[in-house]
Amino acid sequence: MSAQGPSSLPPTTVQSTTPISQSAAHDFLAAYLTRAAQDPALQPNASISEHGPVSRTTAAAPNLILHNLKRVQAGLAGETLGRDLTVAKQNPNEEYLDVAAGAAGNGNQNDDQNDENDLEMKDTEFETEAEAFEEQQQDQTTVDKEERKRLKKERRQAEKKAKNQKGDDSD
């Protein structure tokens, strides 16, 4: 009997998945979001402390998962949503398409081929872009070098003046 392995797992029940209607999904998601707003244990980014689960969501750093779930809930309710400004604020240099605009353009296969052609850079375009990038880098380094020289010269002159004033004061 001492050679027995670990105890077996508790009995589990596997429930089959069944599709539900959009209204039922909307109600379920609304109930979850309402409870998650009140109970930090239901928030995906919650941490556990001595006093229980604590939400790490602040006004400056909103919980993106809950934000996206709210957008899904609005979509289930039939609202048409535009560009997501929360994501745009966090990634200001990235351009992305709206979901609605992307869905409208999927019907035409020629658009897909044109997009592929647009994504491929021609050799001449690549070379000119590489040359422009190199020139920009060289301009930045020369400006930085000249600026550093000027600042060093000013610093040396200030040190000389301070040294001369110190020598004059001691006489």
N, C-alpha and C. Protein backbone atom coordinates (compact mmCIF):
# COMPACT_ATOMS: atom_id res chain seq x y z
N MET A 1 0.80 -1.18 0.00
CA MET A 1 0.00 0.00 0.00
C MET A 1 0.85 1.25 0.00
N SER A 2 2.07 1.17 0.46
CA SER A 2 2.91 2.36 0.48
C SER A 2 3.39 2.74 -0.91
N ALA A 3 3.20 1.86 -1.89
CA ALA A 3 3.64 2.13 -3.25
C ALA A 3 2.57 2.82 -4.08
N GLN A 4 1.50 3.25 -3.47
CA GLN A 4 0.44 3.90 -4.22
C GLN A 4 0.91 5.28 -4.68
N GLY A 5 0.46 5.66 -5.85
CA GLY A 5 0.79 6.98 -6.39
C GLY A 5 -0.09 8.05 -5.78
N PRO A 6 -0.01 9.22 -6.33
CA PRO A 6 -0.84 10.31 -5.80
C PRO A 6 -2.33 9.99 -6.00
N SER A 7 -3.11 10.61 -5.19
CA SER A 7 -4.55 10.35 -5.27
C SER A 7 -5.09 10.84 -6.61
N SER A 8 -6.16 10.22 -7.04
CA SER A 8 -6.72 10.59 -8.33
C SER A 8 -7.36 11.98 -8.25
N LEU A 9 -7.53 12.56 -9.39
CA LEU A 9 -8.12 13.88 -9.47
C LEU A 9 -9.59 13.82 -9.08
N PRO A 10 -10.14 14.90 -8.60
CA PRO A 10 -11.57 14.88 -8.26
C PRO A 10 -12.40 14.67 -9.52
N PRO A 11 -13.59 14.17 -9.36
CA PRO A 11 -14.43 13.93 -10.54
C PRO A 11 -14.74 15.25 -11.25
N THR A 12 -14.69 15.20 -12.56
CA THR A 12 -14.96 16.40 -13.35
C THR A 12 -16.09 16.12 -14.32
N THR A 13 -16.78 17.15 -14.69
CA THR A 13 -17.85 17.04 -15.66
C THR A 13 -17.52 17.93 -16.84
N VAL A 14 -17.50 17.37 -18.01
CA VAL A 14 -17.23 18.14 -19.22
C VAL A 14 -18.56 18.51 -19.84
N GLN A 15 -18.77 19.81 -19.96
CA GLN A 15 -20.02 20.26 -20.55
C GLN A 15 -19.77 20.56 -22.02
N SER A 16 -20.70 20.15 -22.84
CA SER A 16 -20.54 20.40 -24.27
C SER A 16 -20.80 21.87 -24.56
N THR A 17 -20.19 22.35 -25.60
CA THR A 17 -20.40 23.74 -25.98
C THR A 17 -21.60 23.83 -26.90
N THR A 18 -22.41 24.80 -26.65
CA THR A 18 -23.56 25.04 -27.51
C THR A 18 -23.59 26.51 -27.86
N PRO A 19 -23.87 26.82 -29.10
CA PRO A 19 -23.92 28.24 -29.46
C PRO A 19 -25.10 28.93 -28.78
N ILE A 20 -24.88 30.19 -28.43
CA ILE A 20 -25.96 30.96 -27.81
C ILE A 20 -26.25 32.17 -28.69
N SER A 21 -27.38 32.77 -28.47
CA SER A 21 -27.77 33.93 -29.28
C SER A 21 -26.96 35.16 -28.87
N GLN A 22 -26.98 36.17 -29.73
CA GLN A 22 -26.26 37.40 -29.43
C GLN A 22 -26.84 38.09 -28.21
N SER A 23 -28.14 38.04 -28.06
CA SER A 23 -28.76 38.71 -26.91
C SER A 23 -28.36 38.01 -25.61
N ALA A 24 -28.28 36.67 -25.63
CA ALA A 24 -27.85 35.94 -24.43
C ALA A 24 -26.39 36.23 -24.13
N ALA A 25 -25.56 36.30 -25.17
CA ALA A 25 -24.14 36.63 -24.97
C ALA A 25 -24.00 38.05 -24.43
N HIS A 26 -24.82 38.96 -24.94
CA HIS A 26 -24.80 40.35 -24.46
C HIS A 26 -25.16 40.41 -22.98
N ASP A 27 -26.22 39.69 -22.58
CA ASP A 27 -26.65 39.68 -21.18
C ASP A 27 -25.57 39.08 -20.28
N PHE A 28 -24.97 37.98 -20.72
CA PHE A 28 -23.92 37.33 -19.94
C PHE A 28 -22.72 38.26 -19.78
N LEU A 29 -22.31 38.89 -20.86
CA LEU A 29 -21.16 39.79 -20.82
C LEU A 29 -21.46 41.03 -19.98
N ALA A 30 -22.68 41.55 -20.06
CA ALA A 30 -23.07 42.70 -19.25
C ALA A 30 -23.03 42.35 -17.76
N ALA A 31 -23.51 41.17 -17.41
CA ALA A 31 -23.48 40.74 -16.01
C ALA A 31 -22.04 40.60 -15.52
N TYR A 32 -21.18 40.01 -16.34
CA TYR A 32 -19.77 39.86 -15.95
C TYR A 32 -19.11 41.22 -15.75
N LEU A 33 -19.32 42.14 -16.70
CA LEU A 33 -18.68 43.45 -16.59
C LEU A 33 -19.19 44.23 -15.38
N THR A 34 -20.46 44.08 -15.05
CA THR A 34 -21.01 44.74 -13.87
C THR A 34 -20.37 44.19 -12.61
N ARG A 35 -20.25 42.86 -12.53
CA ARG A 35 -19.62 42.24 -11.36
C ARG A 35 -18.14 42.55 -11.31
N ALA A 36 -17.46 42.61 -12.46
CA ALA A 36 -16.02 42.90 -12.48
C ALA A 36 -15.73 44.32 -12.03
N ALA A 37 -16.67 45.24 -12.26
CA ALA A 37 -16.47 46.62 -11.81
C ALA A 37 -16.50 46.71 -10.29
N GLN A 38 -17.22 45.80 -9.64
CA GLN A 38 -17.35 45.83 -8.19
C GLN A 38 -16.39 44.88 -7.49
N ASP A 39 -16.04 43.79 -8.12
CA ASP A 39 -15.21 42.76 -7.49
C ASP A 39 -13.87 42.67 -8.21
N PRO A 40 -12.78 43.09 -7.58
CA PRO A 40 -11.48 43.05 -8.26
C PRO A 40 -11.01 41.63 -8.58
N ALA A 41 -11.57 40.61 -7.91
CA ALA A 41 -11.16 39.24 -8.19
C ALA A 41 -11.54 38.82 -9.60
N LEU A 42 -12.53 39.48 -10.19
CA LEU A 42 -12.96 39.13 -11.54
C LEU A 42 -12.20 39.89 -12.62
N GLN A 43 -11.33 40.80 -12.23
CA GLN A 43 -10.57 41.57 -13.21
C GLN A 43 -9.31 40.80 -13.60
N PRO A 44 -8.98 40.76 -14.89
CA PRO A 44 -7.86 39.96 -15.36
C PRO A 44 -6.50 40.40 -14.81
N ASN A 45 -6.34 41.67 -14.48
CA ASN A 45 -5.03 42.12 -14.02
C ASN A 45 -4.97 42.26 -12.50
N ALA A 46 -5.89 41.65 -11.77
CA ALA A 46 -5.91 41.76 -10.31
C ALA A 46 -4.73 41.01 -9.71
N SER A 47 -4.26 41.52 -8.60
CA SER A 47 -3.20 40.83 -7.87
C SER A 47 -3.73 40.49 -6.48
N ILE A 48 -3.08 39.54 -5.84
CA ILE A 48 -3.52 39.09 -4.53
C ILE A 48 -2.62 39.72 -3.48
N SER A 49 -3.24 40.33 -2.48
CA SER A 49 -2.48 40.92 -1.37
C SER A 49 -2.93 40.24 -0.08
N GLU A 50 -2.43 40.75 1.05
CA GLU A 50 -2.80 40.18 2.34
C GLU A 50 -4.30 40.34 2.60
N HIS A 51 -4.89 41.37 2.01
CA HIS A 51 -6.29 41.68 2.27
C HIS A 51 -7.22 41.13 1.20
N GLY A 52 -6.69 40.39 0.25
CA GLY A 52 -7.51 39.82 -0.81
C GLY A 52 -7.13 40.38 -2.17
N PRO A 53 -7.91 40.10 -3.19
CA PRO A 53 -7.59 40.58 -4.53
C PRO A 53 -7.67 42.10 -4.62
N VAL A 54 -6.71 42.68 -5.35
CA VAL A 54 -6.64 44.13 -5.52
C VAL A 54 -6.52 44.42 -7.00
N SER A 55 -7.32 45.36 -7.48
CA SER A 55 -7.25 45.75 -8.89
C SER A 55 -6.08 46.69 -9.10
N ARG A 56 -5.34 46.48 -10.18
CA ARG A 56 -4.22 47.36 -10.51
C ARG A 56 -4.63 48.38 -11.58
N THR A 57 -5.90 48.46 -11.87
CA THR A 57 -6.38 49.39 -12.88
C THR A 57 -6.46 50.79 -12.30
N THR A 58 -5.92 51.76 -13.04
CA THR A 58 -6.01 53.16 -12.64
C THR A 58 -6.58 53.94 -13.82
N ALA A 59 -6.85 55.20 -13.58
CA ALA A 59 -7.36 56.03 -14.68
C ALA A 59 -6.29 56.23 -15.74
N ALA A 60 -5.02 56.28 -15.30
CA ALA A 60 -3.94 56.48 -16.26
C ALA A 60 -3.64 55.22 -17.06
N ALA A 61 -3.87 54.05 -16.46
CA ALA A 61 -3.60 52.79 -17.14
C ALA A 61 -4.83 51.90 -17.05
N PRO A 62 -5.78 52.09 -17.95
CA PRO A 62 -7.01 51.29 -17.89
C PRO A 62 -6.74 49.83 -18.24
N ASN A 63 -7.61 48.97 -17.79
CA ASN A 63 -7.50 47.55 -18.08
C ASN A 63 -7.96 47.32 -19.52
N LEU A 64 -7.03 46.99 -20.39
CA LEU A 64 -7.36 46.86 -21.81
C LEU A 64 -8.28 45.68 -22.09
N ILE A 65 -8.17 44.63 -21.30
CA ILE A 65 -9.03 43.47 -21.53
C ILE A 65 -10.49 43.84 -21.25
N LEU A 66 -10.73 44.50 -20.12
CA LEU A 66 -12.10 44.92 -19.82
C LEU A 66 -12.58 45.97 -20.82
N HIS A 67 -11.68 46.84 -21.25
CA HIS A 67 -12.04 47.85 -22.25
C HIS A 67 -12.50 47.17 -23.55
N ASN A 68 -11.74 46.17 -23.98
CA ASN A 68 -12.11 45.46 -25.21
C ASN A 68 -13.40 44.65 -25.04
N LEU A 69 -13.60 44.09 -23.85
CA LEU A 69 -14.86 43.38 -23.60
C LEU A 69 -16.05 44.33 -23.65
N LYS A 70 -15.86 45.56 -23.17
CA LYS A 70 -16.94 46.55 -23.26
C LYS A 70 -17.23 46.89 -24.72
N ARG A 71 -16.19 46.93 -25.54
CA ARG A 71 -16.39 47.19 -26.97
C ARG A 71 -17.13 46.02 -27.62
N VAL A 72 -16.80 44.79 -27.21
CA VAL A 72 -17.51 43.61 -27.74
C VAL A 72 -18.97 43.66 -27.32
N GLN A 73 -19.21 44.03 -26.06
CA GLN A 73 -20.59 44.14 -25.58
C GLN A 73 -21.37 45.17 -26.39
N ALA A 74 -20.74 46.30 -26.69
CA ALA A 74 -21.41 47.32 -27.49
C ALA A 74 -21.68 46.80 -28.90
N GLY A 75 -20.75 46.02 -29.44
CA GLY A 75 -20.96 45.43 -30.76
C GLY A 75 -22.10 44.43 -30.76
N LEU A 76 -22.21 43.66 -29.68
CA LEU A 76 -23.32 42.71 -29.56
C LEU A 76 -24.66 43.43 -29.45
N ALA A 77 -24.63 44.64 -28.90
CA ALA A 77 -25.86 45.42 -28.77
C ALA A 77 -26.23 46.08 -30.09
N GLY A 78 -25.36 45.99 -31.08
CA GLY A 78 -25.66 46.55 -32.39
C GLY A 78 -25.09 47.94 -32.62
N GLU A 79 -24.28 48.43 -31.69
CA GLU A 79 -23.68 49.75 -31.87
C GLU A 79 -22.54 49.66 -32.87
N THR A 80 -22.40 50.67 -33.69
CA THR A 80 -21.29 50.74 -34.63
C THR A 80 -20.18 51.54 -33.98
N LEU A 81 -19.04 50.91 -33.80
CA LEU A 81 -17.93 51.57 -33.12
C LEU A 81 -16.89 52.01 -34.13
N GLY A 82 -16.32 53.15 -33.89
CA GLY A 82 -15.25 53.66 -34.76
C GLY A 82 -13.90 53.24 -34.24
N ARG A 83 -12.95 54.08 -34.51
CA ARG A 83 -11.58 53.83 -34.10
C ARG A 83 -11.47 53.81 -32.59
N ASP A 84 -10.64 52.93 -32.06
CA ASP A 84 -10.44 52.82 -30.62
C ASP A 84 -9.39 53.83 -30.19
N LEU A 85 -9.81 54.89 -29.53
CA LEU A 85 -8.89 55.96 -29.15
C LEU A 85 -7.97 55.57 -28.00
N THR A 86 -8.39 54.61 -27.18
CA THR A 86 -7.53 54.18 -26.08
C THR A 86 -6.27 53.52 -26.62
N VAL A 87 -6.43 52.67 -27.61
CA VAL A 87 -5.27 52.01 -28.21
C VAL A 87 -4.45 53.03 -28.99
N ALA A 88 -5.11 53.97 -29.64
CA ALA A 88 -4.39 54.99 -30.41
C ALA A 88 -3.54 55.86 -29.51
N LYS A 89 -4.00 56.13 -28.28
CA LYS A 89 -3.20 56.93 -27.35
C LYS A 89 -1.96 56.18 -26.90
N GLN A 90 -2.08 54.86 -26.73
CA GLN A 90 -0.95 54.08 -26.27
C GLN A 90 0.06 53.82 -27.38
N ASN A 91 -0.39 53.75 -28.62
CA ASN A 91 0.48 53.52 -29.77
C ASN A 91 0.28 54.64 -30.77
N PRO A 92 0.80 55.85 -30.51
CA PRO A 92 0.48 56.97 -31.39
C PRO A 92 1.10 56.86 -32.78
N ASN A 93 2.20 56.15 -32.93
CA ASN A 93 2.87 56.07 -34.23
C ASN A 93 2.34 54.96 -35.12
N GLU A 94 1.53 54.07 -34.56
CA GLU A 94 1.02 52.95 -35.35
C GLU A 94 -0.29 53.34 -36.01
N GLU A 95 -0.39 53.01 -37.28
CA GLU A 95 -1.64 53.22 -37.99
C GLU A 95 -2.30 51.86 -38.15
N TYR A 96 -3.58 51.82 -37.93
CA TYR A 96 -4.30 50.56 -38.10
C TYR A 96 -5.68 50.87 -38.67
N LEU A 97 -6.27 49.86 -39.24
CA LEU A 97 -7.58 50.02 -39.86
C LEU A 97 -8.67 49.75 -38.84
N ASP A 98 -9.78 50.41 -39.00
CA ASP A 98 -10.94 50.11 -38.18
C ASP A 98 -11.46 48.74 -38.56
N VAL A 99 -12.08 48.07 -37.61
CA VAL A 99 -12.64 46.75 -37.89
C VAL A 99 -13.72 46.85 -38.94
N ALA A 100 -14.55 47.87 -38.85
CA ALA A 100 -15.65 48.03 -39.81
C ALA A 100 -15.10 48.32 -41.20
N ALA A 101 -14.08 49.14 -41.30
CA ALA A 101 -13.50 49.46 -42.60
C ALA A 101 -12.81 48.24 -43.20
N GLY A 102 -12.18 47.42 -42.36
CA GLY A 102 -11.52 46.22 -42.84
C GLY A 102 -12.53 45.19 -43.32
N ALA A 103 -13.66 45.09 -42.65
CA ALA A 103 -14.69 44.13 -43.04
C ALA A 103 -15.34 44.55 -44.35
N ALA A 104 -15.48 45.84 -44.59
CA ALA A 104 -16.11 46.30 -45.83
C ALA A 104 -15.22 46.03 -47.03
N GLY A 105 -13.92 46.04 -46.86
CA GLY A 105 -13.01 45.85 -47.98
C GLY A 105 -12.69 44.41 -48.28
N ASN A 106 -13.18 43.45 -47.50
CA ASN A 106 -12.83 42.06 -47.70
C ASN A 106 -13.56 41.41 -48.86
N GLY A 107 -14.58 42.03 -49.41
CA GLY A 107 -15.38 41.41 -50.45
C GLY A 107 -14.67 41.34 -51.79
N ASN A 108 -13.68 42.12 -52.05
CA ASN A 108 -13.04 42.19 -53.35
C ASN A 108 -11.67 41.52 -53.30
N GLN A 109 -11.45 40.50 -54.14
CA GLN A 109 -10.18 39.80 -54.13
C GLN A 109 -9.08 40.62 -54.77
N ASN A 110 -9.42 41.49 -55.70
CA ASN A 110 -8.40 42.35 -56.32
C ASN A 110 -7.77 43.27 -55.29
N ASP A 111 -8.54 43.69 -54.30
CA ASP A 111 -7.99 44.53 -53.24
C ASP A 111 -6.90 43.78 -52.48
N ASP A 112 -7.13 42.47 -52.24
CA ASP A 112 -6.13 41.68 -51.54
C ASP A 112 -4.83 41.62 -52.33
N GLN A 113 -4.93 41.44 -53.65
CA GLN A 113 -3.72 41.39 -54.48
C GLN A 113 -3.03 42.74 -54.50
N ASN A 114 -3.81 43.81 -54.57
CA ASN A 114 -3.21 45.15 -54.56
C ASN A 114 -2.52 45.42 -53.23
N ASP A 115 -3.11 44.95 -52.13
CA ASP A 115 -2.49 45.14 -50.82
C ASP A 115 -1.16 44.41 -50.76
N GLU A 116 -1.11 43.19 -51.32
CA GLU A 116 0.15 42.45 -51.32
C GLU A 116 1.20 43.19 -52.12
N ASN A 117 0.81 43.75 -53.26
CA ASN A 117 1.75 44.51 -54.07
C ASN A 117 2.21 45.76 -53.34
N ASP A 118 1.33 46.39 -52.59
CA ASP A 118 1.69 47.58 -51.84
C ASP A 118 2.68 47.26 -50.73
N LEU A 119 2.54 46.07 -50.15
CA LEU A 119 3.41 45.71 -49.04
C LEU A 119 4.82 45.36 -49.50
N GLU A 120 4.96 44.89 -50.72
CA GLU A 120 6.28 44.54 -51.23
C GLU A 120 6.98 45.79 -51.72
N MET A 121 8.21 46.00 -51.25
CA MET A 121 8.98 47.16 -51.71
C MET A 121 9.77 46.77 -52.95
N LYS A 122 9.75 47.62 -53.89
CA LYS A 122 10.58 47.41 -55.07
C LYS A 122 12.03 47.69 -54.68
N ASP A 123 12.97 47.10 -55.43
CA ASP A 123 14.39 47.27 -55.12
C ASP A 123 14.80 48.73 -55.13
N THR A 124 14.32 49.48 -56.11
CA THR A 124 14.70 50.90 -56.19
C THR A 124 14.13 51.68 -55.01
N GLU A 125 12.89 51.36 -54.62
CA GLU A 125 12.30 52.04 -53.47
C GLU A 125 13.09 51.73 -52.21
N PHE A 126 13.50 50.47 -52.07
CA PHE A 126 14.26 50.07 -50.89
C PHE A 126 15.59 50.79 -50.84
N GLU A 127 16.28 50.89 -52.00
CA GLU A 127 17.58 51.56 -52.04
C GLU A 127 17.44 53.04 -51.70
N THR A 128 16.45 53.70 -52.27
CA THR A 128 16.29 55.13 -52.00
C THR A 128 15.92 55.37 -50.54
N GLU A 129 15.11 54.48 -49.98
CA GLU A 129 14.76 54.63 -48.57
C GLU A 129 15.98 54.40 -47.69
N ALA A 130 16.81 53.41 -48.03
CA ALA A 130 18.02 53.14 -47.26
C ALA A 130 18.98 54.33 -47.34
N GLU A 131 19.12 54.92 -48.54
CA GLU A 131 20.01 56.07 -48.69
C GLU A 131 19.49 57.26 -47.87
N ALA A 132 18.20 57.49 -47.90
CA ALA A 132 17.63 58.60 -47.14
C ALA A 132 17.83 58.38 -45.64
N PHE A 133 17.70 57.15 -45.21
CA PHE A 133 17.90 56.84 -43.79
C PHE A 133 19.36 57.08 -43.40
N GLU A 134 20.30 56.66 -44.25
CA GLU A 134 21.72 56.88 -43.95
C GLU A 134 22.04 58.36 -43.88
N GLU A 135 21.51 59.14 -44.82
CA GLU A 135 21.75 60.58 -44.81
C GLU A 135 21.19 61.21 -43.54
N GLN A 136 20.03 60.77 -43.14
CA GLN A 136 19.42 61.31 -41.92
C GLN A 136 20.28 60.98 -40.71
N GLN A 137 20.79 59.75 -40.66
CA GLN A 137 21.64 59.36 -39.54
C GLN A 137 22.93 60.18 -39.52
N GLN A 138 23.53 60.41 -40.69
CA GLN A 138 24.75 61.20 -40.76
C GLN A 138 24.49 62.63 -40.33
N ASP A 139 23.38 63.21 -40.77
CA ASP A 139 23.04 64.57 -40.37
C ASP A 139 22.89 64.67 -38.86
N GLN A 140 22.25 63.68 -38.27
CA GLN A 140 22.05 63.71 -36.82
C GLN A 140 23.38 63.60 -36.10
N THR A 141 24.29 62.73 -36.57
CA THR A 141 25.57 62.58 -35.89
C THR A 141 26.42 63.83 -36.04
N THR A 142 26.41 64.48 -37.22
CA THR A 142 27.22 65.69 -37.38
C THR A 142 26.64 66.82 -36.53
N VAL A 143 25.35 66.95 -36.48
CA VAL A 143 24.75 67.99 -35.64
C VAL A 143 25.08 67.72 -34.18
N ASP A 144 24.95 66.48 -33.78
CA ASP A 144 25.26 66.14 -32.40
C ASP A 144 26.72 66.41 -32.09
N LYS A 145 27.60 66.10 -33.02
CA LYS A 145 29.03 66.31 -32.80
C LYS A 145 29.34 67.80 -32.68
N GLU A 146 28.77 68.60 -33.57
CA GLU A 146 28.99 70.05 -33.52
C GLU A 146 28.43 70.63 -32.23
N GLU A 147 27.28 70.16 -31.83
CA GLU A 147 26.66 70.64 -30.59
C GLU A 147 27.53 70.27 -29.39
N ARG A 148 28.05 69.06 -29.39
CA ARG A 148 28.92 68.64 -28.29
C ARG A 148 30.18 69.49 -28.22
N LYS A 149 30.77 69.78 -29.38
CA LYS A 149 31.97 70.62 -29.41
C LYS A 149 31.67 72.00 -28.85
N ARG A 150 30.56 72.59 -29.26
CA ARG A 150 30.20 73.93 -28.81
C ARG A 150 29.99 73.95 -27.30
N LEU A 151 29.29 72.95 -26.78
CA LEU A 151 29.04 72.88 -25.34
C LEU A 151 30.33 72.69 -24.56
N LYS A 152 31.23 71.88 -25.10
CA LYS A 152 32.51 71.65 -24.43
C LYS A 152 33.32 72.94 -24.38
N LYS A 153 33.32 73.68 -25.48
CA LYS A 153 34.05 74.95 -25.54
C LYS A 153 33.48 75.94 -24.53
N GLU A 154 32.17 76.04 -24.45
CA GLU A 154 31.54 76.93 -23.47
C GLU A 154 31.88 76.52 -22.05
N ARG A 155 31.88 75.22 -21.79
CA ARG A 155 32.20 74.72 -20.45
C ARG A 155 33.63 75.06 -20.06
N ARG A 156 34.57 74.88 -21.01
CA ARG A 156 35.98 75.20 -20.75
C ARG A 156 36.16 76.70 -20.47
N GLN A 157 35.48 77.54 -21.23
CA GLN A 157 35.58 78.98 -21.02
C GLN A 157 35.02 79.36 -19.65
N ALA A 158 33.92 78.75 -19.25
CA ALA A 158 33.35 79.04 -17.94
C ALA A 158 34.30 78.60 -16.83
N GLU A 159 34.97 77.46 -17.03
CA GLU A 159 35.94 76.99 -16.03
C GLU A 159 37.12 77.95 -15.93
N LYS A 160 37.59 78.46 -17.08
CA LYS A 160 38.70 79.42 -17.06
C LYS A 160 38.31 80.70 -16.34
N LYS A 161 37.11 81.20 -16.62
CA LYS A 161 36.65 82.42 -15.96
C LYS A 161 36.55 82.20 -14.45
N ALA A 162 36.03 81.06 -14.05
CA ALA A 162 35.90 80.76 -12.62
C ALA A 162 37.27 80.66 -11.98
N LYS A 163 38.22 80.08 -12.68
CA LYS A 163 39.58 79.92 -12.15
C LYS A 163 40.25 81.29 -12.04
N ASN A 164 40.09 82.15 -13.06
CA ASN A 164 40.68 83.49 -13.04
C ASN A 164 40.07 84.33 -11.92
N GLN A 165 38.77 84.24 -11.73
CA GLN A 165 38.12 85.01 -10.66
C GLN A 165 38.59 84.53 -9.29
N LYS A 166 38.81 83.23 -9.15
CA LYS A 166 39.28 82.68 -7.90
C LYS A 166 40.70 83.18 -7.61
N GLY A 167 41.53 83.22 -8.68
CA GLY A 167 42.91 83.71 -8.53
C GLY A 167 42.93 85.19 -8.19
N ASP A 168 42.03 85.98 -8.77
CA ASP A 168 41.97 87.42 -8.49
C ASP A 168 41.49 87.67 -7.06
N ASP A 169 40.57 86.86 -6.57
CA ASP A 169 40.05 87.03 -5.21
C ASP A 169 41.10 86.71 -4.16
N SER A 170 42.01 85.79 -4.44
CA SER A 170 43.02 85.40 -3.45
C SER A 170 44.14 86.42 -3.35
N ASP A 171 44.32 87.29 -4.35
CA ASP A 171 45.38 88.30 -4.30
C ASP A 171 45.05 89.37 -3.38
